[in-house]
C-alpha atoms as a PDB file:
ATOM      1  CA  MET A   1      50.395  49.516  92.767  1.00  0.00           C
ATOM      2  CA  ALA A   2      50.569  49.775  88.971  1.00  0.00           C
ATOM      3  CA  LEU A   3      52.979  46.826  88.839  1.00  0.00           C
ATOM      4  CA  SER A   4      50.608  44.707  90.951  1.00  0.00           C
ATOM      5  CA  LEU A   5      47.728  45.591  88.655  1.00  0.00           C
ATOM      6  CA  ALA A   6      49.784  44.737  85.561  1.00  0.00           C
ATOM      7  CA  VAL A   7      50.821  41.369  87.030  1.00  0.00           C
ATOM      8  CA  ALA A   8      47.218  40.598  88.017  1.00  0.00           C
ATOM      9  CA  MET A   9      45.955  41.457  84.525  1.00  0.00           C
ATOM     10  CA  LEU A  10      48.663  39.301  82.940  1.00  0.00           C
ATOM     11  CA  GLY A  11      47.663  36.406  85.213  1.00  0.00           C
ATOM     12  CA  LEU A  12      43.998  36.830  84.307  1.00  0.00           C
ATOM     13  CA  GLY A  13      44.929  36.878  80.631  1.00  0.00           C
ATOM     14  CA  TYR A  14      46.677  33.518  80.918  1.00  0.00           C
ATOM     15  CA  ALA A  15      43.911  32.028  83.080  1.00  0.00           C
ATOM     16  CA  SER A  16      41.101  33.172  80.792  1.00  0.00           C
ATOM     17  CA  VAL A  17      41.841  30.666  78.013  1.00  0.00           C
ATOM     18  CA  PRO A  18      41.623  27.494  80.140  1.00  0.00           C
ATOM     19  CA  LEU A  19      38.701  28.915  82.121  1.00  0.00           C
ATOM     20  CA  TYR A  20      36.818  29.729  78.912  1.00  0.00           C
ATOM     21  CA  ARG A  21      37.548  26.222  77.564  1.00  0.00           C
ATOM     22  CA  ILE A  22      36.161  24.666  80.765  1.00  0.00           C
ATOM     23  CA  PHE A  23      33.081  26.916  80.605  1.00  0.00           C
ATOM     24  CA  CYS A  24      32.443  25.887  76.982  1.00  0.00           C
ATOM     25  CA  GLN A  25      32.874  22.173  77.754  1.00  0.00           C
ATOM     26  CA  VAL A  26      30.452  22.343  80.683  1.00  0.00           C
ATOM     27  CA  THR A  27      27.775  24.389  78.928  1.00  0.00           C
ATOM     28  CA  GLY A  28      28.207  23.458  75.264  1.00  0.00           C
ATOM     29  CA  PHE A  29      28.658  27.182  74.562  1.00  0.00           C
ATOM     30  CA  GLY A  30      30.485  28.086  71.377  1.00  0.00           C
ATOM     31  CA  GLY A  31      29.818  24.722  69.736  1.00  0.00           C
ATOM     32  CA  THR A  32      31.750  22.682  72.299  1.00  0.00           C
ATOM     33  CA  PRO A  33      30.196  19.217  72.659  1.00  0.00           C
ATOM     34  CA  GLN A  34      29.658  17.545  76.007  1.00  0.00           C
ATOM     35  CA  ILE A  35      31.930  14.803  77.328  1.00  0.00           C
ATOM     36  CA  ALA A  36      29.894  11.899  78.697  1.00  0.00           C
ATOM     37  CA  SER A  37      30.919   9.115  81.050  1.00  0.00           C
ATOM     38  CA  GLU A  38      30.225   5.481  80.208  1.00  0.00           C
ATOM     39  CA  ALA A  39      27.582   5.439  82.976  1.00  0.00           C
ATOM     40  CA  LYS A  40      25.787   8.501  81.599  1.00  0.00           C
ATOM     41  CA  ALA A  41      25.856   7.054  78.080  1.00  0.00           C
ATOM     42  CA  ALA A  42      24.483   3.701  79.303  1.00  0.00           C
ATOM     43  CA  ALA A  43      21.526   5.480  80.923  1.00  0.00           C
ATOM     44  CA  VAL A  44      20.385   7.042  77.629  1.00  0.00           C
ATOM     45  CA  ASN A  45      17.888   5.073  75.545  1.00  0.00           C
ATOM     46  CA  ALA A  46      17.827   5.249  71.769  1.00  0.00           C
ATOM     47  CA  THR A  47      14.700   6.643  70.171  1.00  0.00           C
ATOM     48  CA  GLY A  48      13.323   6.041  66.704  1.00  0.00           C
ATOM     49  CA  GLU A  49      14.239   9.599  65.679  1.00  0.00           C
ATOM     50  CA  THR A  50      17.372   9.976  63.573  1.00  0.00           C
ATOM     51  CA  ILE A  51      19.860  12.729  62.831  1.00  0.00           C
ATOM     52  CA  SER A  52      22.579  13.016  60.212  1.00  0.00           C
ATOM     53  CA  VAL A  53      26.109  13.463  61.557  1.00  0.00           C
ATOM     54  CA  ARG A  54      28.720  14.960  59.233  1.00  0.00           C
ATOM     55  CA  PHE A  55      32.431  14.634  59.978  1.00  0.00           C
ATOM     56  CA  ASP A  56      34.844  17.411  59.053  1.00  0.00           C
ATOM     57  CA  SER A  57      38.635  17.250  59.369  1.00  0.00           C
ATOM     58  CA  ASN A  58      41.305  19.923  59.111  1.00  0.00           C
ATOM     59  CA  THR A  59      44.965  20.422  59.955  1.00  0.00           C
ATOM     60  CA  ALA A  60      46.684  23.607  61.061  1.00  0.00           C
ATOM     61  CA  PRO A  61      49.039  25.051  58.398  1.00  0.00           C
ATOM     62  CA  ASP A  62      52.190  23.875  60.228  1.00  0.00           C
ATOM     63  CA  MET A  63      50.871  20.322  60.764  1.00  0.00           C
ATOM     64  CA  PRO A  64      52.462  17.856  58.298  1.00  0.00           C
ATOM     65  CA  TRP A  65      49.673  15.299  58.640  1.00  0.00           C
ATOM     66  CA  GLN A  66      46.984  14.071  56.339  1.00  0.00           C
ATOM     67  CA  PHE A  67      43.778  13.745  58.371  1.00  0.00           C
ATOM     68  CA  LYS A  68      40.348  12.625  57.183  1.00  0.00           C
ATOM     69  CA  PRO A  69      37.205  10.802  58.322  1.00  0.00           C
ATOM     70  CA  GLU A  70      36.627   7.254  57.080  1.00  0.00           C
ATOM     71  CA  GLN A  71      33.127   8.330  56.118  1.00  0.00           C
ATOM     72  CA  VAL A  72      31.842  11.855  55.678  1.00  0.00           C
ATOM     73  CA  THR A  73      28.312  11.310  57.034  1.00  0.00           C
ATOM     74  CA  GLU A  74      26.317   8.737  58.942  1.00  0.00           C
ATOM     75  CA  THR A  75      22.798   8.510  60.285  1.00  0.00           C
ATOM     76  CA  ALA A  76      22.380   7.980  64.020  1.00  0.00           C
ATOM     77  CA  GLN A  77      19.330   7.304  66.142  1.00  0.00           C
ATOM     78  CA  LEU A  78      19.060   9.822  68.943  1.00  0.00           C
ATOM     79  CA  GLY A  79      20.509   8.212  72.079  1.00  0.00           C
ATOM     80  CA  GLU A  80      22.320   5.491  70.103  1.00  0.00           C
ATOM     81  CA  ARG A  81      26.032   4.996  70.765  1.00  0.00           C
ATOM     82  CA  LYS A  82      28.017   5.275  67.551  1.00  0.00           C
ATOM     83  CA  ILE A  83      31.693   4.907  66.642  1.00  0.00           C
ATOM     84  CA  ALA A  84      33.281   6.907  63.857  1.00  0.00           C
ATOM     85  CA  PHE A  85      36.875   6.589  62.691  1.00  0.00           C
ATOM     86  CA  PHE A  86      39.370   9.113  61.404  1.00  0.00           C
ATOM     87  CA  ILE A  87      42.626   8.336  59.595  1.00  0.00           C
ATOM     88  CA  ALA A  88      45.777  10.335  60.337  1.00  0.00           C
ATOM     89  CA  ARG A  89      49.089   9.995  58.530  1.00  0.00           C
ATOM     90  CA  ASN A  90      52.374  11.719  59.349  1.00  0.00           C
ATOM     91  CA  ASN A  91      53.815  12.843  56.008  1.00  0.00           C
ATOM     92  CA  SER A  92      57.056  14.183  57.504  1.00  0.00           C
ATOM     93  CA  ASP A  93      60.411  12.509  58.125  1.00  0.00           C
ATOM     94  CA  LYS A  94      60.229  13.165  61.908  1.00  0.00           C
ATOM     95  CA  PRO A  95      57.926  12.136  64.746  1.00  0.00           C
ATOM     96  CA  VAL A  96      55.168  14.736  65.117  1.00  0.00           C
ATOM     97  CA  THR A  97      52.861  15.234  68.095  1.00  0.00           C
ATOM     98  CA  GLY A  98      49.509  16.909  67.742  1.00  0.00           C
ATOM     99  CA  GLN A  99      46.209  17.410  69.466  1.00  0.00           C
ATOM    100  CA  ALA A 100      42.807  17.917  67.916  1.00  0.00           C
ATOM    101  CA  SER A 101      40.492  20.742  68.850  1.00  0.00           C
ATOM    102  CA  TYR A 102      36.833  20.133  68.131  1.00  0.00           C
ATOM    103  CA  ASN A 103      33.577  21.908  67.522  1.00  0.00           C
ATOM    104  CA  VAL A 104      29.941  21.069  66.788  1.00  0.00           C
ATOM    105  CA  GLU A 105      27.679  23.021  64.439  1.00  0.00           C
ATOM    106  CA  PRO A 106      25.009  24.230  64.556  1.00  0.00           C
ATOM    107  CA  GLU A 107      25.875  25.722  67.922  1.00  0.00           C
ATOM    108  CA  GLN A 108      22.443  24.961  69.410  1.00  0.00           C
ATOM    109  CA  ALA A 109      23.084  21.218  68.914  1.00  0.00           C
ATOM    110  CA  ALA A 110      26.409  21.232  70.801  1.00  0.00           C
ATOM    111  CA  PRO A 111      24.938  20.658  74.292  1.00  0.00           C
ATOM    112  CA  TYR A 112      23.317  17.446  72.997  1.00  0.00           C
ATOM    113  CA  PHE A 113      26.358  15.999  71.210  1.00  0.00           C
ATOM    114  CA  ASN A 114      28.125  13.783  73.765  1.00  0.00           C
ATOM    115  CA  LYS A 115      31.547  12.246  73.248  1.00  0.00           C
ATOM    116  CA  ILE A 116      32.267   9.180  75.367  1.00  0.00           C
ATOM    117  CA  GLN A 117      35.765   8.407  74.070  1.00  0.00           C
ATOM    118  CA  CYS A 118      37.816  10.433  71.630  1.00  0.00           C
ATOM    119  CA  PHE A 119      41.336  10.685  70.256  1.00  0.00           C
ATOM    120  CA  CYS A 120      40.943  14.426  70.850  1.00  0.00           C
ATOM    121  CA  PHE A 121      41.081  13.983  74.637  1.00  0.00           C
ATOM    122  CA  THR A 122      44.842  13.305  74.509  1.00  0.00           C
ATOM    123  CA  LYS A 123      47.825  14.272  72.395  1.00  0.00           C
ATOM    124  CA  GLN A 124      48.778  11.937  69.557  1.00  0.00           C
ATOM    125  CA  THR A 125      52.325  11.187  68.352  1.00  0.00           C
ATOM    126  CA  LEU A 126      52.881   9.671  64.927  1.00  0.00           C
ATOM    127  CA  GLN A 127      56.225   8.396  63.691  1.00  0.00           C
ATOM    128  CA  PRO A 128      57.481   9.317  60.191  1.00  0.00           C
ATOM    129  CA  GLY A 129      55.123   7.802  57.611  1.00  0.00           C
ATOM    130  CA  GLU A 130      52.916   6.234  60.306  1.00  0.00           C
ATOM    131  CA  GLU A 131      49.187   5.986  59.626  1.00  0.00           C
ATOM    132  CA  VAL A 132      46.666   5.373  62.404  1.00  0.00           C
ATOM    133  CA  ARG A 133      42.929   4.810  62.660  1.00  0.00           C
ATOM    134  CA  MET A 134      41.476   6.884  65.502  1.00  0.00           C
ATOM    135  CA  PRO A 135      37.990   6.318  66.973  1.00  0.00           C
ATOM    136  CA  VAL A 136      35.456   8.663  68.497  1.00  0.00           C
ATOM    137  CA  THR A 137      32.492   7.175  70.394  1.00  0.00           C
ATOM    138  CA  TYR A 138      29.501   9.482  70.695  1.00  0.00           C
ATOM    139  CA  TYR A 139      25.740   9.842  70.938  1.00  0.00           C
ATOM    140  CA  VAL A 140      23.251  12.638  70.366  1.00  0.00           C
ATOM    141  CA  ASP A 141      21.032  13.148  73.416  1.00  0.00           C
ATOM    142  CA  PRO A 142      17.304  12.710  72.653  1.00  0.00           C
ATOM    143  CA  ALA A 143      16.664  15.799  74.819  1.00  0.00           C
ATOM    144  CA  ILE A 144      17.499  17.794  71.672  1.00  0.00           C
ATOM    145  CA  LEU A 145      13.888  17.132  70.604  1.00  0.00           C
ATOM    146  CA  LYS A 146      12.570  19.171  73.550  1.00  0.00           C
ATOM    147  CA  ASP A 147      14.759  22.227  72.931  1.00  0.00           C
ATOM    148  CA  GLU A 148      12.941  24.995  71.047  1.00  0.00           C
ATOM    149  CA  ASN A 149      16.301  26.437  69.919  1.00  0.00           C
ATOM    150  CA  ALA A 150      17.310  23.130  68.333  1.00  0.00           C
ATOM    151  CA  LYS A 151      14.018  22.484  66.513  1.00  0.00           C
ATOM    152  CA  GLY A 152      14.590  21.758  62.865  1.00  0.00           C
ATOM    153  CA  VAL A 153      18.197  20.589  63.297  1.00  0.00           C
ATOM    154  CA  GLU A 154      18.514  17.656  60.908  1.00  0.00           C
ATOM    155  CA  GLN A 155      22.299  17.504  60.587  1.00  0.00           C
ATOM    156  CA  VAL A 156      25.092  18.007  63.096  1.00  0.00           C
ATOM    157  CA  THR A 157      28.678  18.601  61.977  1.00  0.00           C
ATOM    158  CA  LEU A 158      31.516  17.364  64.181  1.00  0.00           C
ATOM    159  CA  SER A 159      34.633  19.230  63.124  1.00  0.00           C
ATOM    160  CA  TYR A 160      38.224  18.553  64.183  1.00  0.00           C
ATOM    161  CA  THR A 161      41.402  20.514  63.568  1.00  0.00           C
ATOM    162  CA  PHE A 162      44.748  18.905  64.412  1.00  0.00           C
ATOM    163  CA  HIS A 163      47.368  21.300  65.776  1.00  0.00           C
ATOM    164  CA  LYS A 164      51.085  20.578  66.022  1.00  0.00           C
ATOM    165  CA  LEU A 165      52.427  20.550  69.584  1.00  0.00           C
ATOM    166  CA  ASP A 166      55.961  21.609  70.415  1.00  0.00           C
ATOM    167  CA  GLU A 167      57.452  18.648  72.265  1.00  0.00           C
ATOM    168  CA  SER A 168      60.891  20.226  72.719  1.00  0.00           C
ATOM    169  CA  GLY A 169      59.936  21.687  76.097  1.00  0.00           C
ATOM    170  CA  SER A 170      60.756  25.228  75.017  1.00  0.00           C
END
């Protein structure tokens, strides 16, 4: 009985991380932005209202990449599709694979920040010395104007952190 309980708790521990990630992506909880389809994005109309979007980039301590946004801020009309670019460079002498985690601040703006396409959706492998330009296509949903909790939000920060992935299979 105790062994069954221990195995069940271990299984729940492993399952909790992906389940929490899915919950955050669906609800925007914890600063996780929404992922929008092309069809959903096409159905949103731009308004005259604008918001400032700030781009933040980080790398985990073991990640031998340089990673930065092409521009630190841009102004976007609510509902307008925008493309921002980030530059990544592998400074090591070996191929390195990584994946970016992402977050939106302030947290109350996260449900309205929609990514259509993003380098963060898949792992990225850079060869030694390789530099790449990586796009993210997004829009901020005009529904943010109707949310009492998001009133007064004038700037949204989209933050990425690249983490090294172990590709050895171990």
